[in-house]
Amino acid sequence: LAIAVVRDALSGLHAAHHARDAKAEPLGLVHRDVKPRNVVATTDGIGKILDFGIAKARLRMSTTREGHVRGSLPYMAPEQIRDEPLGPRTDVYGASAVLWEALTGRRLFEGDTEAAVIQKILDHDVRPPSTIVPDLPASLDAVVLRGLASDPSERFASGLEMALALETCLAPAPRADVASWVTRLEEPEIEAREARIARSDDEEGASRDLAVGPELAAAPEPS
């Protein structure tokens, strides 16, 4: 399940990285904030990457006006913390951090302070997922650790490259299985959402009846 969802998210990142403007010029888009809450699975079994709100495109600054690096600290690549040039491999790192946590059920980098988390990221204190979940294959360890390489040049060059590598080491769950899992996990929320939509449709229909009714009542009978 984790591989299926993250694989799809990596494919979405790859599409964003290769997006072009109306003149067919590359946008040079980098998400910069790949984290668990921005990687989702839908009820049709597709993994998606959300929230490009702080994405960095070509010619945009990589920091806020106050000079603070943008993004979620535990999932930032080392070059992002150092305020160095960013690229697709930065987002590959973030997706790899999300996958590591999905596979192990643990946080990759924890600390009592932001400084402690930063130090762990820069020290590259990363354990292979199989040391926590022994059933995971060594080939999956290799893919995840390559995605989390401290040096960007040692990571996968693109989200698509990593997505394909994941498929070769462990078969992703079929979309039907992902959809079933999401529906089962979020059943109360899905039912509540459907009820809200139904109420909204009923209210909208009543509003249309009130607005149109008098006009129809006054309309002459067709000859």
N, C-alpha and C. Protein backbone atom coordinates (compact mmCIF):
# COMPACT_ATOMS: atom_id res chain seq x y z
N LEU A 1 0.82 -1.21 0.00
CA LEU A 1 0.00 0.00 0.00
C LEU A 1 0.86 1.26 0.00
N ALA A 2 1.86 1.28 0.87
CA ALA A 2 2.75 2.46 0.95
C ALA A 2 3.46 2.69 -0.37
N ILE A 3 3.95 1.61 -0.96
CA ILE A 3 4.67 1.75 -2.23
C ILE A 3 3.73 2.25 -3.33
N ALA A 4 2.50 1.75 -3.36
CA ALA A 4 1.55 2.18 -4.39
C ALA A 4 1.26 3.66 -4.29
N VAL A 5 1.02 4.14 -3.07
CA VAL A 5 0.66 5.55 -2.89
C VAL A 5 1.85 6.46 -3.18
N VAL A 6 3.02 6.12 -2.64
CA VAL A 6 4.20 6.97 -2.85
C VAL A 6 4.66 6.91 -4.30
N ARG A 7 4.53 5.75 -4.93
CA ARG A 7 4.88 5.66 -6.36
C ARG A 7 4.05 6.65 -7.18
N ASP A 8 2.74 6.69 -6.91
CA ASP A 8 1.88 7.62 -7.64
C ASP A 8 2.26 9.07 -7.35
N ALA A 9 2.57 9.35 -6.08
CA ALA A 9 2.97 10.72 -5.72
C ALA A 9 4.26 11.11 -6.43
N LEU A 10 5.20 10.17 -6.53
CA LEU A 10 6.45 10.44 -7.26
C LEU A 10 6.18 10.72 -8.73
N SER A 11 5.23 10.01 -9.31
CA SER A 11 4.87 10.27 -10.71
C SER A 11 4.25 11.65 -10.85
N GLY A 12 3.45 12.06 -9.86
CA GLY A 12 2.89 13.40 -9.88
C GLY A 12 3.97 14.47 -9.76
N LEU A 13 4.94 14.23 -8.90
CA LEU A 13 6.07 15.17 -8.78
C LEU A 13 6.84 15.26 -10.09
N HIS A 14 7.04 14.11 -10.73
CA HIS A 14 7.75 14.10 -12.00
C HIS A 14 7.02 14.98 -13.03
N ALA A 15 5.70 14.86 -13.06
CA ALA A 15 4.92 15.69 -13.99
C ALA A 15 5.07 17.17 -13.67
N ALA A 16 5.06 17.51 -12.38
CA ALA A 16 5.22 18.91 -11.98
C ALA A 16 6.60 19.43 -12.35
N HIS A 17 7.61 18.60 -12.14
CA HIS A 17 8.99 19.01 -12.44
C HIS A 17 9.19 19.29 -13.93
N HIS A 18 8.39 18.64 -14.76
CA HIS A 18 8.53 18.80 -16.21
C HIS A 18 7.44 19.69 -16.81
N ALA A 19 6.69 20.39 -15.96
CA ALA A 19 5.63 21.28 -16.45
C ALA A 19 6.24 22.45 -17.22
N ARG A 20 5.50 22.91 -18.22
CA ARG A 20 5.95 24.03 -19.06
C ARG A 20 4.88 25.12 -19.09
N ASP A 21 5.31 26.33 -19.41
CA ASP A 21 4.37 27.44 -19.50
C ASP A 21 3.74 27.49 -20.88
N ALA A 22 2.96 28.54 -21.14
CA ALA A 22 2.24 28.66 -22.40
C ALA A 22 3.18 28.78 -23.61
N LYS A 23 4.43 29.15 -23.35
CA LYS A 23 5.42 29.26 -24.43
C LYS A 23 6.30 28.02 -24.52
N ALA A 24 5.89 26.97 -23.81
CA ALA A 24 6.62 25.69 -23.80
C ALA A 24 7.98 25.80 -23.11
N GLU A 25 8.14 26.82 -22.28
CA GLU A 25 9.37 26.96 -21.51
C GLU A 25 9.23 26.20 -20.18
N PRO A 26 10.26 25.47 -19.75
CA PRO A 26 10.18 24.75 -18.48
C PRO A 26 9.93 25.70 -17.31
N LEU A 27 9.03 25.33 -16.41
CA LEU A 27 8.75 26.16 -15.24
C LEU A 27 9.81 25.99 -14.16
N GLY A 28 10.51 24.87 -14.18
CA GLY A 28 11.50 24.61 -13.15
C GLY A 28 10.87 24.51 -11.77
N LEU A 29 9.71 23.86 -11.70
CA LEU A 29 8.95 23.80 -10.46
C LEU A 29 9.53 22.78 -9.48
N VAL A 30 9.63 23.17 -8.21
CA VAL A 30 10.05 22.28 -7.13
C VAL A 30 9.04 22.44 -6.00
N HIS A 31 8.48 21.34 -5.52
CA HIS A 31 7.42 21.41 -4.51
C HIS A 31 7.94 21.98 -3.20
N ARG A 32 9.03 21.43 -2.68
CA ARG A 32 9.71 21.90 -1.47
C ARG A 32 9.03 21.55 -0.16
N ASP A 33 7.84 20.94 -0.20
CA ASP A 33 7.15 20.65 1.06
C ASP A 33 6.46 19.28 0.98
N VAL A 34 7.19 18.29 0.50
CA VAL A 34 6.66 16.93 0.44
C VAL A 34 6.70 16.35 1.85
N LYS A 35 5.52 16.05 2.39
CA LYS A 35 5.40 15.53 3.75
C LYS A 35 4.15 14.67 3.80
N PRO A 36 3.94 13.91 4.88
CA PRO A 36 2.80 12.98 4.90
C PRO A 36 1.46 13.62 4.60
N ARG A 37 1.17 14.78 5.14
CA ARG A 37 -0.16 15.36 4.92
C ARG A 37 -0.35 15.85 3.50
N ASN A 38 0.73 15.95 2.72
CA ASN A 38 0.61 16.35 1.32
C ASN A 38 0.67 15.17 0.36
N VAL A 39 0.76 13.96 0.90
CA VAL A 39 0.70 12.75 0.08
C VAL A 39 -0.56 12.01 0.48
N VAL A 40 -1.52 11.88 -0.43
CA VAL A 40 -2.82 11.31 -0.07
C VAL A 40 -3.18 10.18 -1.01
N ALA A 41 -4.10 9.34 -0.55
CA ALA A 41 -4.69 8.30 -1.39
C ALA A 41 -6.18 8.58 -1.50
N THR A 42 -6.71 8.49 -2.70
CA THR A 42 -8.13 8.78 -2.93
C THR A 42 -8.96 7.51 -2.87
N THR A 43 -10.26 7.68 -2.86
CA THR A 43 -11.15 6.53 -2.79
C THR A 43 -11.19 5.74 -4.09
N ASP A 44 -10.57 6.23 -5.14
CA ASP A 44 -10.43 5.43 -6.36
C ASP A 44 -9.07 4.76 -6.44
N GLY A 45 -8.30 4.81 -5.33
CA GLY A 45 -7.06 4.05 -5.23
C GLY A 45 -5.84 4.70 -5.85
N ILE A 46 -5.88 6.01 -6.04
CA ILE A 46 -4.76 6.72 -6.67
C ILE A 46 -4.05 7.58 -5.62
N GLY A 47 -2.72 7.51 -5.60
CA GLY A 47 -1.94 8.38 -4.74
C GLY A 47 -1.70 9.72 -5.42
N LYS A 48 -1.78 10.80 -4.65
CA LYS A 48 -1.61 12.13 -5.23
C LYS A 48 -0.74 12.99 -4.33
N ILE A 49 -0.10 13.98 -4.95
CA ILE A 49 0.70 14.96 -4.21
C ILE A 49 -0.08 16.28 -4.20
N LEU A 50 -0.24 16.86 -3.02
CA LEU A 50 -1.05 18.06 -2.86
C LEU A 50 -0.21 19.26 -2.44
N ASP A 51 -0.85 20.42 -2.51
CA ASP A 51 -0.37 21.67 -1.91
C ASP A 51 0.97 22.15 -2.45
N PHE A 52 0.90 22.79 -3.60
CA PHE A 52 2.08 23.43 -4.17
C PHE A 52 2.16 24.90 -3.73
N GLY A 53 1.60 25.18 -2.55
CA GLY A 53 1.51 26.56 -2.08
C GLY A 53 2.85 27.26 -1.90
N ILE A 54 3.91 26.52 -1.55
CA ILE A 54 5.21 27.17 -1.39
C ILE A 54 6.20 26.68 -2.44
N ALA A 55 5.66 26.09 -3.51
CA ALA A 55 6.53 25.57 -4.56
C ALA A 55 7.41 26.67 -5.13
N LYS A 56 8.62 26.29 -5.47
CA LYS A 56 9.59 27.24 -6.03
C LYS A 56 9.68 27.03 -7.54
N ALA A 57 9.34 28.04 -8.29
CA ALA A 57 9.49 27.99 -9.73
C ALA A 57 10.72 28.79 -10.13
N ARG A 58 11.09 28.68 -11.37
CA ARG A 58 12.25 29.38 -11.88
C ARG A 58 12.10 30.88 -11.62
N LEU A 59 13.18 31.52 -11.17
CA LEU A 59 13.27 32.95 -10.90
C LEU A 59 12.59 33.37 -9.58
N ARG A 60 12.10 32.39 -8.79
CA ARG A 60 11.53 32.74 -7.49
C ARG A 60 12.54 32.49 -6.39
N MET A 61 12.40 33.24 -5.29
CA MET A 61 13.32 33.09 -4.17
C MET A 61 13.02 31.80 -3.42
N SER A 62 14.04 31.22 -2.78
CA SER A 62 13.87 29.98 -2.03
C SER A 62 13.63 30.22 -0.55
N THR A 63 13.61 31.47 -0.13
CA THR A 63 13.36 31.78 1.28
C THR A 63 12.25 32.80 1.38
N THR A 64 11.70 32.96 2.57
CA THR A 64 10.70 33.98 2.80
C THR A 64 11.38 35.35 2.84
N ARG A 65 10.56 36.38 2.89
CA ARG A 65 11.12 37.72 2.97
C ARG A 65 11.88 37.93 4.28
N GLU A 66 11.53 37.11 5.30
CA GLU A 66 12.26 37.22 6.57
C GLU A 66 13.54 36.41 6.56
N GLY A 67 13.77 35.67 5.47
CA GLY A 67 15.00 34.91 5.35
C GLY A 67 14.92 33.50 5.88
N HIS A 68 13.71 33.02 6.23
CA HIS A 68 13.57 31.67 6.76
C HIS A 68 13.30 30.69 5.63
N VAL A 69 13.95 29.54 5.67
CA VAL A 69 13.74 28.52 4.67
C VAL A 69 12.32 27.99 4.78
N ARG A 70 11.64 27.79 3.63
CA ARG A 70 10.27 27.32 3.63
C ARG A 70 10.22 25.80 3.56
N GLY A 71 9.25 25.20 4.25
CA GLY A 71 9.07 23.76 4.20
C GLY A 71 8.86 23.21 5.59
N SER A 72 8.66 21.88 5.67
CA SER A 72 8.45 21.19 6.95
C SER A 72 9.76 20.53 7.36
N LEU A 73 10.31 20.95 8.45
CA LEU A 73 11.68 20.60 8.84
C LEU A 73 12.01 19.11 8.78
N PRO A 74 11.22 18.21 9.37
CA PRO A 74 11.64 16.79 9.39
C PRO A 74 11.76 16.15 8.01
N TYR A 75 11.21 16.81 6.97
CA TYR A 75 11.22 16.23 5.63
C TYR A 75 12.07 17.04 4.65
N MET A 76 12.80 18.00 5.19
CA MET A 76 13.65 18.84 4.34
C MET A 76 14.94 18.11 3.97
N ALA A 77 15.34 18.27 2.73
CA ALA A 77 16.64 17.75 2.30
C ALA A 77 17.75 18.63 2.85
N PRO A 78 18.96 18.07 3.01
CA PRO A 78 20.06 18.87 3.55
C PRO A 78 20.31 20.16 2.78
N GLU A 79 20.20 20.11 1.45
CA GLU A 79 20.47 21.32 0.67
C GLU A 79 19.41 22.39 0.91
N GLN A 80 18.21 21.97 1.28
CA GLN A 80 17.16 22.93 1.58
C GLN A 80 17.45 23.65 2.90
N ILE A 81 17.93 22.90 3.87
CA ILE A 81 18.30 23.50 5.16
C ILE A 81 19.46 24.48 4.98
N ARG A 82 20.40 24.13 4.11
CA ARG A 82 21.56 25.00 3.89
C ARG A 82 21.23 26.15 2.94
N ASP A 83 20.00 26.21 2.45
CA ASP A 83 19.58 27.25 1.49
C ASP A 83 20.43 27.20 0.23
N GLU A 84 20.68 26.00 -0.25
CA GLU A 84 21.41 25.79 -1.50
C GLU A 84 20.42 25.61 -2.64
N PRO A 85 20.88 25.60 -3.88
CA PRO A 85 19.97 25.42 -5.03
C PRO A 85 19.16 24.13 -4.90
N LEU A 86 17.88 24.22 -5.27
CA LEU A 86 16.98 23.08 -5.17
C LEU A 86 16.61 22.58 -6.56
N GLY A 87 16.18 21.32 -6.61
CA GLY A 87 15.76 20.74 -7.87
C GLY A 87 14.87 19.54 -7.62
N PRO A 88 14.53 18.78 -8.67
CA PRO A 88 13.68 17.61 -8.50
C PRO A 88 14.18 16.63 -7.45
N ARG A 89 15.50 16.51 -7.30
CA ARG A 89 16.04 15.56 -6.32
C ARG A 89 15.71 15.98 -4.88
N THR A 90 15.42 17.27 -4.67
CA THR A 90 14.99 17.73 -3.36
C THR A 90 13.64 17.12 -3.00
N ASP A 91 12.73 17.09 -3.97
CA ASP A 91 11.42 16.48 -3.74
C ASP A 91 11.51 14.97 -3.65
N VAL A 92 12.45 14.36 -4.37
CA VAL A 92 12.67 12.92 -4.25
C VAL A 92 13.05 12.58 -2.80
N TYR A 93 13.88 13.43 -2.20
CA TYR A 93 14.27 13.23 -0.80
C TYR A 93 13.04 13.26 0.10
N GLY A 94 12.20 14.28 -0.07
CA GLY A 94 11.01 14.40 0.77
C GLY A 94 10.10 13.19 0.62
N ALA A 95 9.89 12.72 -0.62
CA ALA A 95 9.05 11.55 -0.84
C ALA A 95 9.66 10.31 -0.21
N SER A 96 10.97 10.22 -0.23
CA SER A 96 11.66 9.07 0.38
C SER A 96 11.50 9.09 1.90
N ALA A 97 11.52 10.28 2.49
CA ALA A 97 11.29 10.40 3.93
C ALA A 97 9.87 9.96 4.30
N VAL A 98 8.91 10.36 3.47
CA VAL A 98 7.53 9.94 3.70
C VAL A 98 7.41 8.42 3.58
N LEU A 99 8.05 7.84 2.58
CA LEU A 99 8.00 6.39 2.40
C LEU A 99 8.65 5.66 3.56
N TRP A 100 9.80 6.15 4.02
CA TRP A 100 10.49 5.54 5.16
C TRP A 100 9.55 5.46 6.35
N GLU A 101 8.84 6.55 6.63
CA GLU A 101 7.94 6.58 7.78
C GLU A 101 6.72 5.69 7.56
N ALA A 102 6.22 5.63 6.33
CA ALA A 102 5.06 4.78 6.04
C ALA A 102 5.41 3.31 6.20
N LEU A 103 6.64 2.94 5.84
CA LEU A 103 7.08 1.55 5.94
C LEU A 103 7.36 1.14 7.38
N THR A 104 7.88 2.04 8.17
CA THR A 104 8.32 1.69 9.53
C THR A 104 7.32 2.06 10.61
N GLY A 105 6.44 3.01 10.34
CA GLY A 105 5.52 3.49 11.37
C GLY A 105 6.20 4.37 12.40
N ARG A 106 7.37 4.89 12.07
CA ARG A 106 8.12 5.76 12.99
C ARG A 106 8.47 7.07 12.30
N ARG A 107 8.86 8.05 13.12
CA ARG A 107 9.38 9.30 12.57
C ARG A 107 10.84 9.10 12.17
N LEU A 108 11.21 9.64 11.04
CA LEU A 108 12.58 9.50 10.56
C LEU A 108 13.54 10.34 11.39
N PHE A 109 13.19 11.59 11.61
CA PHE A 109 14.04 12.49 12.39
C PHE A 109 13.23 13.11 13.52
N GLU A 110 13.67 12.89 14.74
CA GLU A 110 13.00 13.47 15.90
C GLU A 110 14.03 14.16 16.78
N GLY A 111 13.58 15.15 17.54
CA GLY A 111 14.46 15.85 18.47
C GLY A 111 13.66 16.77 19.34
N ASP A 112 14.23 17.14 20.47
CA ASP A 112 13.53 18.03 21.41
C ASP A 112 13.47 19.46 20.89
N THR A 113 14.37 19.80 19.99
CA THR A 113 14.41 21.15 19.44
C THR A 113 14.60 21.08 17.92
N GLU A 114 14.32 22.17 17.25
CA GLU A 114 14.55 22.24 15.80
C GLU A 114 16.03 22.04 15.49
N ALA A 115 16.88 22.59 16.35
CA ALA A 115 18.32 22.45 16.14
C ALA A 115 18.74 20.98 16.18
N ALA A 116 18.13 20.21 17.07
CA ALA A 116 18.46 18.79 17.17
C ALA A 116 18.03 18.04 15.93
N VAL A 117 16.85 18.38 15.39
CA VAL A 117 16.36 17.73 14.17
C VAL A 117 17.27 18.09 13.00
N ILE A 118 17.64 19.35 12.90
CA ILE A 118 18.53 19.79 11.83
C ILE A 118 19.85 19.04 11.88
N GLN A 119 20.38 18.89 13.08
CA GLN A 119 21.67 18.20 13.22
C GLN A 119 21.57 16.76 12.76
N LYS A 120 20.47 16.08 13.08
CA LYS A 120 20.29 14.70 12.65
C LYS A 120 20.19 14.60 11.13
N ILE A 121 19.50 15.55 10.52
CA ILE A 121 19.39 15.55 9.06
C ILE A 121 20.76 15.75 8.43
N LEU A 122 21.50 16.71 8.93
CA LEU A 122 22.81 17.01 8.36
C LEU A 122 23.82 15.90 8.65
N ASP A 123 23.65 15.21 9.79
CA ASP A 123 24.53 14.08 10.11
C ASP A 123 24.15 12.83 9.32
N HIS A 124 23.00 12.87 8.68
CA HIS A 124 22.49 11.76 7.87
C HIS A 124 22.35 10.49 8.71
N ASP A 125 21.64 10.65 9.81
CA ASP A 125 21.42 9.54 10.74
C ASP A 125 20.19 8.75 10.29
N VAL A 126 20.35 7.88 9.28
CA VAL A 126 19.23 7.15 8.68
C VAL A 126 19.47 5.65 8.77
N ARG A 127 18.50 4.93 9.34
CA ARG A 127 18.58 3.48 9.42
C ARG A 127 17.82 2.86 8.24
N PRO A 128 18.29 1.74 7.69
CA PRO A 128 17.52 1.03 6.68
C PRO A 128 16.17 0.61 7.26
N PRO A 129 15.08 0.74 6.51
CA PRO A 129 13.76 0.36 7.04
C PRO A 129 13.70 -1.08 7.56
N SER A 130 14.45 -2.00 6.96
CA SER A 130 14.38 -3.41 7.37
C SER A 130 14.97 -3.65 8.77
N THR A 131 15.74 -2.70 9.29
CA THR A 131 16.24 -2.86 10.66
C THR A 131 15.12 -2.65 11.68
N ILE A 132 14.00 -2.07 11.22
CA ILE A 132 12.84 -1.85 12.07
C ILE A 132 11.72 -2.83 11.73
N VAL A 133 11.56 -3.10 10.43
CA VAL A 133 10.56 -4.06 9.95
C VAL A 133 11.32 -5.15 9.19
N PRO A 134 11.71 -6.24 9.85
CA PRO A 134 12.62 -7.23 9.26
C PRO A 134 12.11 -7.88 7.97
N ASP A 135 10.80 -7.91 7.74
CA ASP A 135 10.26 -8.57 6.55
C ASP A 135 10.51 -7.78 5.26
N LEU A 136 10.92 -6.55 5.37
CA LEU A 136 11.14 -5.74 4.17
C LEU A 136 12.38 -6.23 3.43
N PRO A 137 12.32 -6.29 2.09
CA PRO A 137 13.46 -6.79 1.32
C PRO A 137 14.62 -5.79 1.27
N ALA A 138 15.82 -6.30 1.11
CA ALA A 138 17.01 -5.46 1.02
C ALA A 138 16.94 -4.52 -0.17
N SER A 139 16.30 -4.98 -1.25
CA SER A 139 16.19 -4.14 -2.44
C SER A 139 15.38 -2.87 -2.15
N LEU A 140 14.39 -2.99 -1.27
CA LEU A 140 13.60 -1.82 -0.90
C LEU A 140 14.42 -0.88 -0.03
N ASP A 141 15.22 -1.45 0.88
CA ASP A 141 16.16 -0.63 1.66
C ASP A 141 17.02 0.22 0.73
N ALA A 142 17.54 -0.42 -0.31
CA ALA A 142 18.46 0.27 -1.22
C ALA A 142 17.77 1.44 -1.92
N VAL A 143 16.53 1.24 -2.33
CA VAL A 143 15.80 2.31 -3.03
C VAL A 143 15.53 3.48 -2.08
N VAL A 144 15.05 3.16 -0.87
CA VAL A 144 14.72 4.22 0.08
C VAL A 144 15.97 5.00 0.49
N LEU A 145 17.05 4.29 0.77
CA LEU A 145 18.28 4.96 1.20
C LEU A 145 18.89 5.80 0.08
N ARG A 146 18.75 5.32 -1.16
CA ARG A 146 19.24 6.14 -2.28
C ARG A 146 18.42 7.42 -2.40
N GLY A 147 17.12 7.31 -2.21
CA GLY A 147 16.28 8.51 -2.25
C GLY A 147 16.61 9.48 -1.13
N LEU A 148 17.13 8.97 -0.02
CA LEU A 148 17.47 9.81 1.14
C LEU A 148 18.95 10.18 1.19
N ALA A 149 19.68 9.93 0.13
CA ALA A 149 21.11 10.25 0.12
C ALA A 149 21.34 11.72 0.46
N SER A 150 22.32 11.98 1.30
CA SER A 150 22.61 13.36 1.70
C SER A 150 23.07 14.21 0.52
N ASP A 151 23.85 13.62 -0.36
CA ASP A 151 24.33 14.31 -1.56
C ASP A 151 23.28 14.17 -2.66
N PRO A 152 22.71 15.26 -3.16
CA PRO A 152 21.67 15.16 -4.19
C PRO A 152 22.10 14.37 -5.42
N SER A 153 23.39 14.43 -5.77
CA SER A 153 23.85 13.73 -6.97
C SER A 153 23.77 12.22 -6.83
N GLU A 154 23.65 11.72 -5.59
CA GLU A 154 23.56 10.29 -5.36
C GLU A 154 22.11 9.79 -5.31
N ARG A 155 21.15 10.69 -5.37
CA ARG A 155 19.74 10.29 -5.36
C ARG A 155 19.26 9.95 -6.77
N PHE A 156 18.04 9.48 -6.84
CA PHE A 156 17.41 9.28 -8.16
C PHE A 156 17.29 10.64 -8.83
N ALA A 157 17.49 10.64 -10.13
CA ALA A 157 17.47 11.91 -10.86
C ALA A 157 16.07 12.48 -11.01
N SER A 158 15.05 11.64 -10.88
CA SER A 158 13.68 12.10 -11.07
C SER A 158 12.72 11.25 -10.24
N GLY A 159 11.52 11.78 -10.06
CA GLY A 159 10.50 11.03 -9.36
C GLY A 159 10.12 9.77 -10.12
N LEU A 160 10.09 9.86 -11.44
CA LEU A 160 9.74 8.71 -12.26
C LEU A 160 10.77 7.60 -12.11
N GLU A 161 12.04 7.96 -12.07
CA GLU A 161 13.09 6.96 -11.91
C GLU A 161 12.93 6.20 -10.60
N MET A 162 12.62 6.92 -9.52
CA MET A 162 12.43 6.25 -8.24
C MET A 162 11.15 5.42 -8.25
N ALA A 163 10.08 5.92 -8.87
CA ALA A 163 8.83 5.18 -8.94
C ALA A 163 9.03 3.84 -9.63
N LEU A 164 9.78 3.84 -10.72
CA LEU A 164 10.05 2.60 -11.45
C LEU A 164 10.92 1.66 -10.61
N ALA A 165 11.86 2.22 -9.87
CA ALA A 165 12.72 1.39 -9.02
C ALA A 165 11.91 0.72 -7.92
N LEU A 166 10.93 1.42 -7.37
CA LEU A 166 10.08 0.83 -6.33
C LEU A 166 9.32 -0.37 -6.88
N GLU A 167 8.83 -0.25 -8.10
CA GLU A 167 8.05 -1.33 -8.69
C GLU A 167 8.87 -2.59 -8.90
N THR A 168 10.18 -2.44 -9.08
CA THR A 168 11.02 -3.61 -9.35
C THR A 168 11.38 -4.38 -8.08
N CYS A 169 11.31 -3.72 -6.90
CA CYS A 169 11.73 -4.40 -5.68
C CYS A 169 10.57 -4.97 -4.89
N LEU A 170 9.38 -4.45 -5.08
CA LEU A 170 8.20 -4.99 -4.40
C LEU A 170 6.97 -4.52 -5.16
N ALA A 171 6.08 -5.45 -5.49
CA ALA A 171 4.90 -5.10 -6.30
C ALA A 171 3.98 -4.17 -5.52
N PRO A 172 3.62 -3.01 -6.09
CA PRO A 172 2.68 -2.12 -5.42
C PRO A 172 1.30 -2.78 -5.32
N ALA A 173 0.54 -2.43 -4.31
CA ALA A 173 -0.82 -2.93 -4.18
C ALA A 173 -1.65 -2.45 -5.37
N PRO A 174 -2.55 -3.28 -5.89
CA PRO A 174 -3.45 -2.83 -6.97
C PRO A 174 -4.31 -1.66 -6.50
N ARG A 175 -4.76 -0.85 -7.43
CA ARG A 175 -5.57 0.31 -7.06
C ARG A 175 -6.85 -0.08 -6.33
N ALA A 176 -7.42 -1.23 -6.70
CA ALA A 176 -8.63 -1.68 -6.01
C ALA A 176 -8.36 -1.91 -4.53
N ASP A 177 -7.18 -2.44 -4.21
CA ASP A 177 -6.83 -2.68 -2.81
C ASP A 177 -6.60 -1.37 -2.07
N VAL A 178 -5.96 -0.42 -2.75
CA VAL A 178 -5.74 0.89 -2.13
C VAL A 178 -7.08 1.58 -1.87
N ALA A 179 -7.98 1.51 -2.85
CA ALA A 179 -9.30 2.12 -2.71
C ALA A 179 -10.06 1.49 -1.55
N SER A 180 -10.00 0.17 -1.44
CA SER A 180 -10.69 -0.53 -0.36
C SER A 180 -10.12 -0.12 0.99
N TRP A 181 -8.81 0.00 1.07
CA TRP A 181 -8.15 0.40 2.32
C TRP A 181 -8.56 1.81 2.73
N VAL A 182 -8.55 2.75 1.76
CA VAL A 182 -8.93 4.13 2.06
C VAL A 182 -10.38 4.19 2.53
N THR A 183 -11.25 3.49 1.82
CA THR A 183 -12.68 3.50 2.17
C THR A 183 -12.91 2.93 3.57
N ARG A 184 -12.23 1.84 3.88
CA ARG A 184 -12.37 1.22 5.19
C ARG A 184 -11.83 2.13 6.30
N LEU A 185 -10.69 2.76 6.02
CA LEU A 185 -10.04 3.61 7.01
C LEU A 185 -10.83 4.88 7.28
N GLU A 186 -11.41 5.44 6.23
CA GLU A 186 -12.08 6.74 6.33
C GLU A 186 -13.59 6.64 6.19
N GLU A 187 -14.15 5.47 6.44
CA GLU A 187 -15.58 5.28 6.23
C GLU A 187 -16.45 6.29 6.96
N PRO A 188 -16.21 6.60 8.24
CA PRO A 188 -17.06 7.59 8.92
C PRO A 188 -16.99 8.97 8.25
N GLU A 189 -15.79 9.39 7.86
CA GLU A 189 -15.65 10.70 7.22
C GLU A 189 -16.31 10.71 5.84
N ILE A 190 -16.16 9.61 5.09
CA ILE A 190 -16.78 9.53 3.76
C ILE A 190 -18.29 9.61 3.88
N GLU A 191 -18.87 8.88 4.84
CA GLU A 191 -20.31 8.92 5.03
C GLU A 191 -20.78 10.32 5.44
N ALA A 192 -20.02 10.97 6.31
CA ALA A 192 -20.39 12.32 6.75
C ALA A 192 -20.31 13.30 5.57
N ARG A 193 -19.28 13.13 4.73
CA ARG A 193 -19.14 14.02 3.57
C ARG A 193 -20.29 13.82 2.59
N GLU A 194 -20.67 12.56 2.34
CA GLU A 194 -21.77 12.30 1.43
C GLU A 194 -23.07 12.88 1.97
N ALA A 195 -23.25 12.82 3.29
CA ALA A 195 -24.46 13.40 3.89
C ALA A 195 -24.47 14.92 3.71
N ARG A 196 -23.29 15.55 3.87
CA ARG A 196 -23.21 17.00 3.68
C ARG A 196 -23.53 17.38 2.24
N ILE A 197 -23.00 16.60 1.30
CA ILE A 197 -23.26 16.87 -0.11
C ILE A 197 -24.75 16.73 -0.41
N ALA A 198 -25.37 15.67 0.15
CA ALA A 198 -26.80 15.45 -0.08
C ALA A 198 -27.62 16.62 0.47
N ARG A 199 -27.26 17.09 1.68
CA ARG A 199 -27.99 18.23 2.27
C ARG A 199 -27.80 19.47 1.41
N SER A 200 -26.58 19.68 0.91
CA SER A 200 -26.29 20.84 0.09
C SER A 200 -27.10 20.80 -1.20
N ASP A 201 -27.19 19.61 -1.81
CA ASP A 201 -27.97 19.46 -3.04
C ASP A 201 -29.45 19.74 -2.78
N ASP A 202 -29.95 19.23 -1.63
CA ASP A 202 -31.35 19.47 -1.31
C ASP A 202 -31.63 20.95 -1.11
N GLU A 203 -30.71 21.63 -0.40
CA GLU A 203 -30.89 23.06 -0.16
C GLU A 203 -30.81 23.86 -1.44
N GLU A 204 -29.86 23.46 -2.32
CA GLU A 204 -29.73 24.16 -3.60
C GLU A 204 -30.97 23.96 -4.44
N GLY A 205 -31.53 22.73 -4.43
CA GLY A 205 -32.74 22.46 -5.20
C GLY A 205 -33.92 23.27 -4.68
N ALA A 206 -34.04 23.37 -3.35
CA ALA A 206 -35.12 24.16 -2.76
C ALA A 206 -34.97 25.63 -3.12
N SER A 207 -33.72 26.11 -3.14
CA SER A 207 -33.47 27.51 -3.48
C SER A 207 -33.88 27.79 -4.92
N ARG A 208 -33.57 26.86 -5.82
CA ARG A 208 -33.96 27.04 -7.23
C ARG A 208 -35.48 27.06 -7.37
N ASP A 209 -36.17 26.18 -6.61
CA ASP A 209 -37.63 26.14 -6.68
C ASP A 209 -38.23 27.46 -6.23
N LEU A 210 -37.66 28.04 -5.13
CA LEU A 210 -38.18 29.30 -4.63
C LEU A 210 -37.96 30.43 -5.62
N ALA A 211 -36.80 30.41 -6.29
CA ALA A 211 -36.46 31.49 -7.22
C ALA A 211 -37.26 31.40 -8.51
N VAL A 212 -37.50 30.19 -8.99
CA VAL A 212 -38.13 30.01 -10.29
C VAL A 212 -39.64 29.88 -10.19
N GLY A 213 -40.12 29.38 -9.02
CA GLY A 213 -41.54 29.08 -8.88
C GLY A 213 -42.45 30.22 -9.27
N PRO A 214 -42.30 31.41 -8.69
CA PRO A 214 -43.21 32.50 -9.03
C PRO A 214 -43.22 32.83 -10.50
N GLU A 215 -42.05 32.77 -11.14
CA GLU A 215 -41.97 33.10 -12.57
C GLU A 215 -42.75 32.07 -13.38
N LEU A 216 -42.58 30.78 -13.00
CA LEU A 216 -43.31 29.73 -13.72
C LEU A 216 -44.81 29.87 -13.49
N ALA A 217 -45.16 30.24 -12.25
CA ALA A 217 -46.59 30.38 -11.95
C ALA A 217 -47.25 31.48 -12.76
N ALA A 218 -46.46 32.53 -13.07
CA ALA A 218 -46.99 33.66 -13.82
C ALA A 218 -46.90 33.47 -15.32
N ALA A 219 -46.17 32.43 -15.73
CA ALA A 219 -45.98 32.24 -17.17
C ALA A 219 -47.28 31.80 -17.83
N PRO A 220 -47.58 32.31 -19.05
CA PRO A 220 -48.82 31.90 -19.73
C PRO A 220 -48.76 30.45 -20.16
N GLU A 221 -49.92 29.84 -20.24
CA GLU A 221 -50.00 28.47 -20.73
C GLU A 221 -49.59 28.44 -22.19
N PRO A 222 -48.83 27.39 -22.60
CA PRO A 222 -48.47 27.30 -24.03
C PRO A 222 -49.71 27.09 -24.87
N SER A 223 -49.75 27.73 -26.06
CA SER A 223 -50.91 27.63 -26.95
C SER A 223 -50.86 26.32 -27.72
